[in-house]
């Protein structure tokens, strides 16, 4: 998961991973252009604290991490509704490796993000 200081930077990363999002707490839907416009407006009207940051999941979901640990998911991907999003930020020491393909996986994940194998 990547971290960003502004919603616009997070959105610019997310648009490279998918092309539609749903707002987590409503039925509002956003395409690439809509997400980028919303992110730019949000940053100018309501910037986050210096200790907070945004995270982008491997599939392109965007969350806000205000305490450095808990993640409030804001934008869920429209194309990957089965993505298992963590509630807390995982540290590098919590990352393990897939027994099938060897790519890093986060503890608690149900499937490998690289090869899709079901994890124990």
PDB file of N, CA and C in Angstrom:
ATOM      1  N   UNK A   1       0.831  -1.158   0.000  1.00  0.00           N
ATOM      2  CA  UNK A   1       0.000   0.000   0.000  1.00  0.00           C
ATOM      3  C   UNK A   1       0.891   1.242   0.000  1.00  0.00           C
ATOM      4  N   UNK A   2       0.540   2.197  -0.827  1.00  0.00           N
ATOM      5  CA  UNK A   2       1.345   3.415  -0.927  1.00  0.00           C
ATOM      6  C   UNK A   2       0.703   4.546  -0.129  1.00  0.00           C
ATOM      7  N   UNK A   3       1.536   5.464   0.379  1.00  0.00           N
ATOM      8  CA  UNK A   3       1.079   6.581   1.193  1.00  0.00           C
ATOM      9  C   UNK A   3       1.301   7.909   0.470  1.00  0.00           C
ATOM     10  N   UNK A   4       0.349   8.858   0.684  1.00  0.00           N
ATOM     11  CA  UNK A   4       0.414  10.159   0.027  1.00  0.00           C
ATOM     12  C   UNK A   4      -0.030  11.251   0.995  1.00  0.00           C
ATOM     13  N   UNK A   5       0.534  12.452   0.832  1.00  0.00           N
ATOM     14  CA  UNK A   5       0.211  13.575   1.704  1.00  0.00           C
ATOM     15  C   UNK A   5      -1.030  14.341   1.273  1.00  0.00           C
ATOM     16  N   UNK A   6      -1.478  14.150   0.037  1.00  0.00           N
ATOM     17  CA  UNK A   6      -2.685  14.838  -0.438  1.00  0.00           C
ATOM     18  C   UNK A   6      -3.611  13.826  -1.106  1.00  0.00           C
ATOM     19  N   UNK A   7      -4.898  14.162  -1.100  1.00  0.00           N
ATOM     20  CA  UNK A   7      -5.866  13.303  -1.767  1.00  0.00           C
ATOM     21  C   UNK A   7      -5.624  13.310  -3.272  1.00  0.00           C
ATOM     22  N   UNK A   8      -5.190  14.435  -3.821  1.00  0.00           N
ATOM     23  CA  UNK A   8      -4.924  14.495  -5.258  1.00  0.00           C
ATOM     24  C   UNK A   8      -3.805  13.531  -5.651  1.00  0.00           C
ATOM     25  N   UNK A   9      -2.721  13.494  -4.889  1.00  0.00           N
ATOM     26  CA  UNK A   9      -1.626  12.559  -5.192  1.00  0.00           C
ATOM     27  C   UNK A   9      -2.115  11.114  -5.081  1.00  0.00           C
ATOM     28  N   UNK A  10      -2.938  10.837  -4.065  1.00  0.00           N
ATOM     29  CA  UNK A  10      -3.496   9.487  -3.914  1.00  0.00           C
ATOM     30  C   UNK A  10      -4.394   9.147  -5.099  1.00  0.00           C
ATOM     31  N   UNK A  11      -5.220  10.103  -5.515  1.00  0.00           N
ATOM     32  CA  UNK A  11      -6.122   9.875  -6.649  1.00  0.00           C
ATOM     33  C   UNK A  11      -5.339   9.664  -7.942  1.00  0.00           C
ATOM     34  N   UNK A  12      -4.257  10.430  -8.134  1.00  0.00           N
ATOM     35  CA  UNK A  12      -3.437  10.247  -9.332  1.00  0.00           C
ATOM     36  C   UNK A  12      -2.828   8.847  -9.378  1.00  0.00           C
ATOM     37  N   UNK A  13      -2.500   8.296  -8.230  1.00  0.00           N
ATOM     38  CA  UNK A  13      -2.012   6.915  -8.180  1.00  0.00           C
ATOM     39  C   UNK A  13      -3.160   5.936  -8.441  1.00  0.00           C
ATOM     40  N   UNK A  14      -4.299   6.160  -7.796  1.00  0.00           N
ATOM     41  CA  UNK A  14      -5.446   5.251  -7.922  1.00  0.00           C
ATOM     42  C   UNK A  14      -5.943   5.136  -9.357  1.00  0.00           C
ATOM     43  N   UNK A  15      -5.898   6.230 -10.124  1.00  0.00           N
ATOM     44  CA  UNK A  15      -6.409   6.176 -11.494  1.00  0.00           C
ATOM     45  C   UNK A  15      -5.521   5.330 -12.408  1.00  0.00           C
ATOM     46  N   UNK A  16      -4.330   5.000 -11.963  1.00  0.00           N
ATOM     47  CA  UNK A  16      -3.486   4.095 -12.745  1.00  0.00           C
ATOM     48  C   UNK A  16      -3.844   2.632 -12.478  1.00  0.00           C
ATOM     49  N   UNK A  17      -4.715   2.395 -11.487  1.00  0.00           N
ATOM     50  CA  UNK A  17      -5.054   1.031 -11.076  1.00  0.00           C
ATOM     51  C   UNK A  17      -6.486   0.626 -11.393  1.00  0.00           C
ATOM     52  N   UNK A  18      -7.387   1.587 -11.523  1.00  0.00           N
ATOM     53  CA  UNK A  18      -8.768   1.275 -11.901  1.00  0.00           C
ATOM     54  C   UNK A  18      -9.409   2.532 -12.480  1.00  0.00           C
ATOM     55  N   UNK A  19     -10.671   2.438 -12.899  1.00  0.00           N
ATOM     56  CA  UNK A  19     -11.275   3.594 -13.561  1.00  0.00           C
ATOM     57  C   UNK A  19     -12.629   4.003 -13.000  1.00  0.00           C
ATOM     58  N   UNK A  20     -13.058   3.402 -11.878  1.00  0.00           N
ATOM     59  CA  UNK A  20     -14.305   3.839 -11.252  1.00  0.00           C
ATOM     60  C   UNK A  20     -14.260   3.541  -9.756  1.00  0.00           C
ATOM     61  N   UNK A  21     -14.944   4.410  -8.985  1.00  0.00           N
ATOM     62  CA  UNK A  21     -14.940   4.285  -7.531  1.00  0.00           C
ATOM     63  C   UNK A  21     -16.330   4.574  -6.999  1.00  0.00           C
ATOM     64  N   UNK A  22     -16.618   4.011  -5.849  1.00  0.00           N
ATOM     65  CA  UNK A  22     -17.828   4.312  -5.094  1.00  0.00           C
ATOM     66  C   UNK A  22     -17.387   4.952  -3.788  1.00  0.00           C
ATOM     67  N   UNK A  23     -18.090   6.010  -3.363  1.00  0.00           N
ATOM     68  CA  UNK A  23     -17.787   6.601  -2.072  1.00  0.00           C
ATOM     69  C   UNK A  23     -18.224   5.597  -1.014  1.00  0.00           C
ATOM     70  N   UNK A  24     -17.403   5.372  -0.015  1.00  0.00           N
ATOM     71  CA  UNK A  24     -17.612   4.292   0.946  1.00  0.00           C
ATOM     72  C   UNK A  24     -18.912   4.410   1.742  1.00  0.00           C
ATOM     73  N   UNK A  25     -19.384   5.628   1.994  1.00  0.00           N
ATOM     74  CA  UNK A  25     -20.555   5.783   2.859  1.00  0.00           C
ATOM     75  C   UNK A  25     -21.815   6.225   2.114  1.00  0.00           C
ATOM     76  N   UNK A  26     -21.776   6.191   0.802  1.00  0.00           N
ATOM     77  CA  UNK A  26     -22.965   6.546   0.026  1.00  0.00           C
ATOM     78  C   UNK A  26     -22.921   5.823  -1.313  1.00  0.00           C
ATOM     79  N   UNK A  27     -23.911   6.065  -2.132  1.00  0.00           N
ATOM     80  CA  UNK A  27     -23.959   5.449  -3.460  1.00  0.00           C
ATOM     81  C   UNK A  27     -23.321   6.325  -4.527  1.00  0.00           C
ATOM     82  N   UNK A  28     -22.622   7.390  -4.118  1.00  0.00           N
ATOM     83  CA  UNK A  28     -21.969   8.271  -5.084  1.00  0.00           C
ATOM     84  C   UNK A  28     -20.894   7.505  -5.844  1.00  0.00           C
ATOM     85  N   UNK A  29     -20.884   7.682  -7.158  1.00  0.00           N
ATOM     86  CA  UNK A  29     -19.909   6.997  -8.017  1.00  0.00           C
ATOM     87  C   UNK A  29     -19.059   8.045  -8.734  1.00  0.00           C
ATOM     88  N   UNK A  30     -17.798   7.681  -8.956  1.00  0.00           N
ATOM     89  CA  UNK A  30     -16.852   8.600  -9.594  1.00  0.00           C
ATOM     90  C   UNK A  30     -16.084   7.896 -10.692  1.00  0.00           C
ATOM     91  N   UNK A  31     -15.909   8.597 -11.803  1.00  0.00           N
ATOM     92  CA  UNK A  31     -15.013   8.127 -12.846  1.00  0.00           C
ATOM     93  C   UNK A  31     -13.671   8.825 -12.625  1.00  0.00           C
ATOM     94  N   UNK A  32     -12.710   8.603 -13.510  1.00  0.00           N
ATOM     95  CA  UNK A  32     -11.370   9.171 -13.349  1.00  0.00           C
ATOM     96  C   UNK A  32     -11.426  10.689 -13.211  1.00  0.00           C
ATOM     97  N   UNK A  33     -12.101  11.354 -14.144  1.00  0.00           N
ATOM     98  CA  UNK A  33     -12.163  12.817 -14.125  1.00  0.00           C
ATOM     99  C   UNK A  33     -12.843  13.321 -12.852  1.00  0.00           C
ATOM    100  N   UNK A  34     -13.951  12.697 -12.480  1.00  0.00           N
ATOM    101  CA  UNK A  34     -14.686  13.111 -11.296  1.00  0.00           C
ATOM    102  C   UNK A  34     -13.870  12.950 -10.014  1.00  0.00           C
ATOM    103  N   UNK A  35     -13.135  11.842  -9.910  1.00  0.00           N
ATOM    104  CA  UNK A  35     -12.304  11.618  -8.724  1.00  0.00           C
ATOM    105  C   UNK A  35     -11.200  12.657  -8.625  1.00  0.00           C
ATOM    106  N   UNK A  36     -10.548  12.960  -9.742  1.00  0.00           N
ATOM    107  CA  UNK A  36      -9.458  13.941  -9.728  1.00  0.00           C
ATOM    108  C   UNK A  36      -9.956  15.339  -9.379  1.00  0.00           C
ATOM    109  N   UNK A  37     -11.118  15.729  -9.906  1.00  0.00           N
ATOM    110  CA  UNK A  37     -11.693  17.041  -9.597  1.00  0.00           C
ATOM    111  C   UNK A  37     -12.061  17.105  -8.114  1.00  0.00           C
ATOM    112  N   UNK A  38     -12.705  16.063  -7.604  1.00  0.00           N
ATOM    113  CA  UNK A  38     -13.089  16.019  -6.204  1.00  0.00           C
ATOM    114  C   UNK A  38     -11.863  16.083  -5.290  1.00  0.00           C
ATOM    115  N   UNK A  39     -10.818  15.356  -5.641  1.00  0.00           N
ATOM    116  CA  UNK A  39      -9.597  15.331  -4.830  1.00  0.00           C
ATOM    117  C   UNK A  39      -8.946  16.710  -4.783  1.00  0.00           C
ATOM    118  N   UNK A  40      -8.860  17.365  -5.922  1.00  0.00           N
ATOM    119  CA  UNK A  40      -8.248  18.703  -5.976  1.00  0.00           C
ATOM    120  C   UNK A  40      -9.053  19.690  -5.135  1.00  0.00           C
ATOM    121  N   UNK A  41     -10.367  19.638  -5.252  1.00  0.00           N
ATOM    122  CA  UNK A  41     -11.237  20.520  -4.470  1.00  0.00           C
ATOM    123  C   UNK A  41     -11.106  20.236  -2.983  1.00  0.00           C
ATOM    124  N   UNK A  42     -11.103  18.969  -2.614  1.00  0.00           N
ATOM    125  CA  UNK A  42     -10.985  18.583  -1.211  1.00  0.00           C
ATOM    126  C   UNK A  42      -9.674  19.068  -0.606  1.00  0.00           C
ATOM    127  N   UNK A  43      -8.589  18.909  -1.322  1.00  0.00           N
ATOM    128  CA  UNK A  43      -7.283  19.365  -0.826  1.00  0.00           C
ATOM    129  C   UNK A  43      -7.258  20.868  -0.591  1.00  0.00           C
ATOM    130  N   UNK A  44      -7.895  21.639  -1.475  1.00  0.00           N
ATOM    131  CA  UNK A  44      -7.864  23.096  -1.331  1.00  0.00           C
ATOM    132  C   UNK A  44      -8.808  23.576  -0.225  1.00  0.00           C
ATOM    133  N   UNK A  45      -9.928  22.874  -0.025  1.00  0.00           N
ATOM    134  CA  UNK A  45     -10.911  23.308   0.967  1.00  0.00           C
ATOM    135  C   UNK A  45     -10.714  22.677   2.343  1.00  0.00           C
ATOM    136  N   UNK A  46     -10.154  21.490   2.395  1.00  0.00           N
ATOM    137  CA  UNK A  46     -10.050  20.762   3.653  1.00  0.00           C
ATOM    138  C   UNK A  46      -8.771  19.927   3.697  1.00  0.00           C
ATOM    139  N   UNK A  47      -7.603  20.562   3.783  1.00  0.00           N
ATOM    140  CA  UNK A  47      -6.352  19.788   3.814  1.00  0.00           C
ATOM    141  C   UNK A  47      -6.256  18.953   5.099  1.00  0.00           C
ATOM    142  N   UNK A  48      -5.567  17.837   5.014  1.00  0.00           N
ATOM    143  CA  UNK A  48      -5.426  16.964   6.182  1.00  0.00           C
ATOM    144  C   UNK A  48      -4.308  17.470   7.096  1.00  0.00           C
ATOM    145  N   UNK A  49      -4.305  16.986   8.340  1.00  0.00           N
ATOM    146  CA  UNK A  49      -3.256  17.340   9.304  1.00  0.00           C
ATOM    147  C   UNK A  49      -1.914  16.807   8.825  1.00  0.00           C
ATOM    148  N   UNK A  50      -0.843  17.404   9.313  1.00  0.00           N
ATOM    149  CA  UNK A  50       0.505  16.981   8.900  1.00  0.00           C
ATOM    150  C   UNK A  50       0.836  15.563   9.343  1.00  0.00           C
ATOM    151  N   UNK A  51       0.165  15.041  10.360  1.00  0.00           N
ATOM    152  CA  UNK A  51       0.415  13.673  10.824  1.00  0.00           C
ATOM    153  C   UNK A  51      -0.437  12.640  10.095  1.00  0.00           C
ATOM    154  N   UNK A  52      -1.373  13.084   9.270  1.00  0.00           N
ATOM    155  CA  UNK A  52      -2.264  12.189   8.542  1.00  0.00           C
ATOM    156  C   UNK A  52      -1.745  11.942   7.135  1.00  0.00           C
ATOM    157  N   UNK A  53      -2.245  10.886   6.510  1.00  0.00           N
ATOM    158  CA  UNK A  53      -1.890  10.599   5.124  1.00  0.00           C
ATOM    159  C   UNK A  53      -2.956   9.727   4.494  1.00  0.00           C
ATOM    160  N   UNK A  54      -2.955   9.695   3.176  1.00  0.00           N
ATOM    161  CA  UNK A  54      -3.857   8.845   2.411  1.00  0.00           C
ATOM    162  C   UNK A  54      -3.104   7.591   1.988  1.00  0.00           C
ATOM    163  N   UNK A  55      -3.834   6.493   1.835  1.00  0.00           N
ATOM    164  CA  UNK A  55      -3.246   5.248   1.341  1.00  0.00           C
ATOM    165  C   UNK A  55      -4.033   4.807   0.116  1.00  0.00           C
ATOM    166  N   UNK A  56      -3.343   4.118  -0.783  1.00  0.00           N
ATOM    167  CA  UNK A  56      -3.980   3.555  -1.975  1.00  0.00           C
ATOM    168  C   UNK A  56      -3.690   2.060  -1.985  1.00  0.00           C
ATOM    169  N   UNK A  57      -4.752   1.274  -2.101  1.00  0.00           N
ATOM    170  CA  UNK A  57      -4.617  -0.185  -2.115  1.00  0.00           C
ATOM    171  C   UNK A  57      -4.088  -0.653  -3.468  1.00  0.00           C
ATOM    172  N   UNK A  58      -3.658  -1.897  -3.554  1.00  0.00           N
ATOM    173  CA  UNK A  58      -3.174  -2.419  -4.837  1.00  0.00           C
ATOM    174  C   UNK A  58      -4.203  -2.344  -5.967  1.00  0.00           C
ATOM    175  N   UNK A  59      -5.494  -2.405  -5.631  1.00  0.00           N
ATOM    176  CA  UNK A  59      -6.534  -2.333  -6.667  1.00  0.00           C
ATOM    177  C   UNK A  59      -7.000  -0.911  -6.941  1.00  0.00           C
ATOM    178  N   UNK A  60      -6.602   0.078  -6.088  1.00  0.00           N
ATOM    179  CA  UNK A  60      -6.949   1.464  -6.336  1.00  0.00           C
ATOM    180  C   UNK A  60      -7.919   2.095  -5.361  1.00  0.00           C
ATOM    181  N   UNK A  61      -8.290   1.404  -4.272  1.00  0.00           N
ATOM    182  CA  UNK A  61      -9.137   2.017  -3.247  1.00  0.00           C
ATOM    183  C   UNK A  61      -8.310   3.068  -2.503  1.00  0.00           C
ATOM    184  N   UNK A  62      -8.980   4.111  -2.008  1.00  0.00           N
ATOM    185  CA  UNK A  62      -8.289   5.200  -1.308  1.00  0.00           C
ATOM    186  C   UNK A  62      -8.831   5.302   0.114  1.00  0.00           C
ATOM    187  N   UNK A  63      -7.903   5.348   1.067  1.00  0.00           N
ATOM    188  CA  UNK A  63      -8.282   5.496   2.467  1.00  0.00           C
ATOM    189  C   UNK A  63      -7.521   6.619   3.131  1.00  0.00           C
ATOM    190  N   UNK A  64      -8.027   7.057   4.277  1.00  0.00           N
ATOM    191  CA  UNK A  64      -7.389   8.104   5.068  1.00  0.00           C
ATOM    192  C   UNK A  64      -6.904   7.487   6.373  1.00  0.00           C
ATOM    193  N   UNK A  65      -5.652   7.737   6.691  1.00  0.00           N
ATOM    194  CA  UNK A  65      -5.048   7.232   7.922  1.00  0.00           C
ATOM    195  C   UNK A  65      -4.672   8.450   8.766  1.00  0.00           C
ATOM    196  N   UNK A  66      -5.499   8.760   9.754  1.00  0.00           N
ATOM    197  CA  UNK A  66      -5.283   9.965  10.552  1.00  0.00           C
ATOM    198  C   UNK A  66      -4.360   9.731  11.743  1.00  0.00           C
ATOM    199  N   UNK A  67      -4.284   8.506  12.225  1.00  0.00           N
ATOM    200  CA  UNK A  67      -3.478   8.240  13.417  1.00  0.00           C
ATOM    201  C   UNK A  67      -2.238   7.400  13.126  1.00  0.00           C
ATOM    202  N   UNK A  68      -1.963   7.169  11.857  1.00  0.00           N
ATOM    203  CA  UNK A  68      -0.809   6.354  11.490  1.00  0.00           C
ATOM    204  C   UNK A  68      -1.071   4.872  11.585  1.00  0.00           C
ATOM    205  N   UNK A  69      -2.296   4.499  11.941  1.00  0.00           N
ATOM    206  CA  UNK A  69      -2.607   3.081  12.108  1.00  0.00           C
ATOM    207  C   UNK A  69      -3.964   2.708  11.505  1.00  0.00           C
ATOM    208  N   UNK A  70      -5.056   3.283  12.012  1.00  0.00           N
ATOM    209  CA  UNK A  70      -6.399   2.948  11.532  1.00  0.00           C
ATOM    210  C   UNK A  70      -6.669   3.599  10.177  1.00  0.00           C
ATOM    211  N   UNK A  71      -7.319   2.844   9.287  1.00  0.00           N
ATOM    212  CA  UNK A  71      -7.636   3.347   7.944  1.00  0.00           C
ATOM    213  C   UNK A  71      -9.145   3.503   7.795  1.00  0.00           C
ATOM    214  N   UNK A  72      -9.566   4.705   7.432  1.00  0.00           N
ATOM    215  CA  UNK A  72     -10.957   4.951   7.064  1.00  0.00           C
ATOM    216  C   UNK A  72     -11.000   4.929   5.544  1.00  0.00           C
ATOM    217  N   UNK A  73     -11.614   3.898   4.964  1.00  0.00           N
ATOM    218  CA  UNK A  73     -11.665   3.780   3.503  1.00  0.00           C
ATOM    219  C   UNK A  73     -12.699   4.749   2.959  1.00  0.00           C
ATOM    220  N   UNK A  74     -12.269   5.619   2.049  1.00  0.00           N
ATOM    221  CA  UNK A  74     -13.119   6.668   1.489  1.00  0.00           C
ATOM    222  C   UNK A  74     -13.702   6.292   0.133  1.00  0.00           C
ATOM    223  N   UNK A  75     -12.849   5.789  -0.748  1.00  0.00           N
ATOM    224  CA  UNK A  75     -13.261   5.445  -2.112  1.00  0.00           C
ATOM    225  C   UNK A  75     -12.942   3.983  -2.381  1.00  0.00           C
ATOM    226  N   UNK A  76     -13.967   3.202  -2.673  1.00  0.00           N
ATOM    227  CA  UNK A  76     -13.811   1.792  -2.981  1.00  0.00           C
ATOM    228  C   UNK A  76     -13.860   1.613  -4.487  1.00  0.00           C
ATOM    229  N   UNK A  77     -13.067   0.701  -4.992  1.00  0.00           N
ATOM    230  CA  UNK A  77     -13.024   0.522  -6.442  1.00  0.00           C
ATOM    231  C   UNK A  77     -14.319  -0.082  -6.948  1.00  0.00           C
ATOM    232  N   UNK A  78     -14.768   0.398  -8.091  1.00  0.00           N
ATOM    233  CA  UNK A  78     -15.985  -0.119  -8.698  1.00  0.00           C
ATOM    234  C   UNK A  78     -15.779  -1.459  -9.364  1.00  0.00           C
ATOM    235  N   UNK A  79     -14.532  -1.764  -9.732  1.00  0.00           N
ATOM    236  CA  UNK A  79     -14.251  -2.995 -10.471  1.00  0.00           C
ATOM    237  C   UNK A  79     -13.776  -4.137  -9.585  1.00  0.00           C
ATOM    238  N   UNK A  80     -13.400  -3.859  -8.356  1.00  0.00           N
ATOM    239  CA  UNK A  80     -12.823  -4.886  -7.498  1.00  0.00           C
ATOM    240  C   UNK A  80     -13.530  -4.903  -6.146  1.00  0.00           C
ATOM    241  N   UNK A  81     -14.821  -5.227  -6.158  1.00  0.00           N
ATOM    242  CA  UNK A  81     -15.605  -5.182  -4.934  1.00  0.00           C
ATOM    243  C   UNK A  81     -15.200  -6.253  -3.929  1.00  0.00           C
ATOM    244  N   UNK A  82     -14.460  -7.266  -4.351  1.00  0.00           N
ATOM    245  CA  UNK A  82     -14.040  -8.333  -3.446  1.00  0.00           C
ATOM    246  C   UNK A  82     -12.700  -8.061  -2.782  1.00  0.00           C
ATOM    247  N   UNK A  83     -12.111  -6.897  -3.017  1.00  0.00           N
ATOM    248  CA  UNK A  83     -10.817  -6.595  -2.422  1.00  0.00           C
ATOM    249  C   UNK A  83     -10.939  -6.594  -0.898  1.00  0.00           C
ATOM    250  N   UNK A  84     -10.054  -7.310  -0.237  1.00  0.00           N
ATOM    251  CA  UNK A  84     -10.043  -7.406   1.216  1.00  0.00           C
ATOM    252  C   UNK A  84      -9.219  -6.246   1.768  1.00  0.00           C
ATOM    253  N   UNK A  85      -9.885  -5.173   2.191  1.00  0.00           N
ATOM    254  CA  UNK A  85      -9.194  -3.972   2.642  1.00  0.00           C
ATOM    255  C   UNK A  85      -8.926  -4.044   4.144  1.00  0.00           C
ATOM    256  N   UNK A  86      -7.686  -3.823   4.548  1.00  0.00           N
ATOM    257  CA  UNK A  86      -7.370  -3.894   5.979  1.00  0.00           C
ATOM    258  C   UNK A  86      -7.929  -2.683   6.729  1.00  0.00           C
ATOM    259  N   UNK A  87      -8.227  -2.863   8.009  1.00  0.00           N
ATOM    260  CA  UNK A  87      -8.720  -1.775   8.845  1.00  0.00           C
ATOM    261  C   UNK A  87      -7.577  -0.976   9.451  1.00  0.00           C
ATOM    262  N   UNK A  88      -6.389  -1.563   9.452  1.00  0.00           N
ATOM    263  CA  UNK A  88      -5.221  -0.878   9.995  1.00  0.00           C
ATOM    264  C   UNK A  88      -4.072  -0.988   9.007  1.00  0.00           C
ATOM    265  N   UNK A  89      -3.138  -0.055   9.132  1.00  0.00           N
ATOM    266  CA  UNK A  89      -1.967  -0.045   8.266  1.00  0.00           C
ATOM    267  C   UNK A  89      -0.998  -1.126   8.731  1.00  0.00           C
ATOM    268  N   UNK A  90      -0.608  -1.990   7.839  1.00  0.00           N
ATOM    269  CA  UNK A  90       0.317  -3.071   8.157  1.00  0.00           C
ATOM    270  C   UNK A  90       1.748  -2.584   7.989  1.00  0.00           C
ATOM    271  N   UNK A  91       2.605  -2.929   8.909  1.00  0.00           N
ATOM    272  CA  UNK A  91       4.004  -2.536   8.805  1.00  0.00           C
ATOM    273  C   UNK A  91       4.783  -3.575   8.023  1.00  0.00           C
ATOM    274  N   UNK A  92       5.960  -3.217   7.600  1.00  0.00           N
ATOM    275  CA  UNK A  92       6.790  -4.131   6.805  1.00  0.00           C
ATOM    276  C   UNK A  92       7.064  -5.425   7.545  1.00  0.00           C
ATOM    277  N   UNK A  93       7.164  -5.389   8.872  1.00  0.00           N
ATOM    278  CA  UNK A  93       7.447  -6.614   9.625  1.00  0.00           C
ATOM    279  C   UNK A  93       6.263  -7.562   9.633  1.00  0.00           C
ATOM    280  N   UNK A  94       5.073  -7.074   9.253  1.00  0.00           N
ATOM    281  CA  UNK A  94       3.892  -7.914   9.217  1.00  0.00           C
ATOM    282  C   UNK A  94       3.662  -8.514   7.836  1.00  0.00           C
ATOM    283  N   UNK A  95       4.512  -8.214   6.889  1.00  0.00           N
ATOM    284  CA  UNK A  95       4.348  -8.731   5.539  1.00  0.00           C
ATOM    285  C   UNK A  95       5.003 -10.102   5.433  1.00  0.00           C
ATOM    286  N   UNK A  96       4.260 -11.050   4.898  1.00  0.00           N
ATOM    287  CA  UNK A  96       4.756 -12.408   4.678  1.00  0.00           C
ATOM    288  C   UNK A  96       4.778 -12.656   3.171  1.00  0.00           C
ATOM    289  N   UNK A  97       5.093 -13.881   2.774  1.00  0.00           N
ATOM    290  CA  UNK A  97       5.227 -14.188   1.356  1.00  0.00           C
ATOM    291  C   UNK A  97       4.319 -15.339   0.951  1.00  0.00           C
ATOM    292  N   UNK A  98       3.797 -15.257  -0.279  1.00  0.00           N
ATOM    293  CA  UNK A  98       2.923 -16.284  -0.838  1.00  0.00           C
ATOM    294  C   UNK A  98       3.723 -17.561  -1.079  1.00  0.00           C
ATOM    295  N   UNK A  99       3.153 -18.680  -0.663  1.00  0.00           N
ATOM    296  CA  UNK A  99       3.852 -19.951  -0.841  1.00  0.00           C
ATOM    297  C   UNK A  99       3.857 -20.411  -2.303  1.00  0.00           C
ATOM    298  N   UNK A 100       2.958 -19.876  -3.124  1.00  0.00           N
ATOM    299  CA  UNK A 100       2.901 -20.274  -4.533  1.00  0.00           C
ATOM    300  C   UNK A 100       3.825 -19.434  -5.408  1.00  0.00           C
ATOM    301  N   UNK A 101       3.735 -18.088  -5.290  1.00  0.00           N
ATOM    302  CA  UNK A 101       4.484 -17.235  -6.218  1.00  0.00           C
ATOM    303  C   UNK A 101       5.619 -16.439  -5.573  1.00  0.00           C
ATOM    304  N   UNK A 102       5.640 -16.369  -4.232  1.00  0.00           N
ATOM    305  CA  UNK A 102       6.717 -15.681  -3.540  1.00  0.00           C
ATOM    306  C   UNK A 102       6.539 -14.187  -3.351  1.00  0.00           C
ATOM    307  N   UNK A 103       5.450 -13.623  -3.861  1.00  0.00           N
ATOM    308  CA  UNK A 103       5.215 -12.183  -3.671  1.00  0.00           C
ATOM    309  C   UNK A 103       4.786 -11.907  -2.240  1.00  0.00           C
ATOM    310  N   UNK A 104       5.062 -10.684  -1.779  1.00  0.00           N
ATOM    311  CA  UNK A 104       4.693 -10.290  -0.431  1.00  0.00           C
ATOM    312  C   UNK A 104       3.194 -10.230  -0.256  1.00  0.00           C
ATOM    313  N   UNK A 105       2.719 -10.674   0.912  1.00  0.00           N
ATOM    314  CA  UNK A 105       1.301 -10.596   1.263  1.00  0.00           C
ATOM    315  C   UNK A 105       1.188  -9.997   2.658  1.00  0.00           C
ATOM    316  N   UNK A 106       0.107  -9.355   2.940  1.00  0.00           N
ATOM    317  CA  UNK A 106      -0.134  -8.757   4.243  1.00  0.00           C
ATOM    318  C   UNK A 106      -0.885  -9.756   5.107  1.00  0.00           C
ATOM    319  N   UNK A 107      -0.487  -9.863   6.368  1.00  0.00           N
ATOM    320  CA  UNK A 107      -1.183 -10.751   7.294  1.00  0.00           C
ATOM    321  C   UNK A 107      -2.664 -10.419   7.319  1.00  0.00           C
ATOM    322  N   UNK A 108      -3.492 -11.421   7.312  1.00  0.00           N
ATOM    323  CA  UNK A 108      -4.926 -11.224   7.328  1.00  0.00           C
ATOM    324  C   UNK A 108      -5.556 -11.251   5.946  1.00  0.00           C
ATOM    325  N   UNK A 109      -4.749 -11.155   4.899  1.00  0.00           N
ATOM    326  CA  UNK A 109      -5.289 -11.216   3.539  1.00  0.00           C
ATOM    327  C   UNK A 109      -5.791 -12.630   3.268  1.00  0.00           C
ATOM    328  N   UNK A 110      -6.859 -12.729   2.517  1.00  0.00           N
ATOM    329  CA  UNK A 110      -7.417 -14.047   2.197  1.00  0.00           C
ATOM    330  C   UNK A 110      -6.870 -14.607   0.892  1.00  0.00           C
ATOM    331  N   UNK A 111      -6.395 -13.722   0.013  1.00  0.00           N
ATOM    332  CA  UNK A 111      -5.888 -14.144  -1.278  1.00  0.00           C
ATOM    333  C   UNK A 111      -4.601 -13.390  -1.594  1.00  0.00           C
ATOM    334  N   UNK A 112      -3.721 -14.000  -2.353  1.00  0.00           N
ATOM    335  CA  UNK A 112      -2.495 -13.342  -2.808  1.00  0.00           C
ATOM    336  C   UNK A 112      -2.884 -12.307  -3.858  1.00  0.00           C
ATOM    337  N   UNK A 113      -2.376 -11.087  -3.712  1.00  0.00           N
ATOM    338  CA  UNK A 113      -2.690 -10.024  -4.661  1.00  0.00           C
ATOM    339  C   UNK A 113      -2.037 -10.216  -6.013  1.00  0.00           C
ATOM    340  N   UNK A 114      -0.994 -11.051  -6.082  1.00  0.00           N
ATOM    341  CA  UNK A 114      -0.275 -11.252  -7.343  1.00  0.00           C
ATOM    342  C   UNK A 114      -0.833 -12.430  -8.141  1.00  0.00           C
ATOM    343  N   UNK A 115      -0.968 -13.587  -7.481  1.00  0.00           N
ATOM    344  CA  UNK A 115      -1.384 -14.779  -8.237  1.00  0.00           C
ATOM    345  C   UNK A 115      -2.811 -15.233  -7.924  1.00  0.00           C
ATOM    346  N   UNK A 116      -3.413 -14.679  -6.854  1.00  0.00           N
ATOM    347  CA  UNK A 116      -4.799 -14.992  -6.537  1.00  0.00           C
ATOM    348  C   UNK A 116      -5.029 -16.259  -5.741  1.00  0.00           C
ATOM    349  N   UNK A 117      -3.970 -16.970  -5.387  1.00  0.00           N
ATOM    350  CA  UNK A 117      -4.138 -18.211  -4.632  1.00  0.00           C
ATOM    351  C   UNK A 117      -4.753 -17.896  -3.266  1.00  0.00           C
ATOM    352  N   UNK A 118      -5.649 -18.773  -2.792  1.00  0.00           N
ATOM    353  CA  UNK A 118      -6.254 -18.593  -1.471  1.00  0.00           C
ATOM    354  C   UNK A 118      -5.192 -18.890  -0.415  1.00  0.00           C
ATOM    355  N   UNK A 119      -5.096 -17.984   0.562  1.00  0.00           N
ATOM    356  CA  UNK A 119      -4.098 -18.118   1.623  1.00  0.00           C
ATOM    357  C   UNK A 119      -4.719 -18.769   2.846  1.00  0.00           C
ATOM    358  N   UNK A 120      -3.914 -19.440   3.608  1.00  0.00           N
ATOM    359  CA  UNK A 120      -4.405 -20.103   4.838  1.00  0.00           C
ATOM    360  C   UNK A 120      -4.555 -19.109   5.958  1.00  0.00           C
TER     361      UNK A 120
END
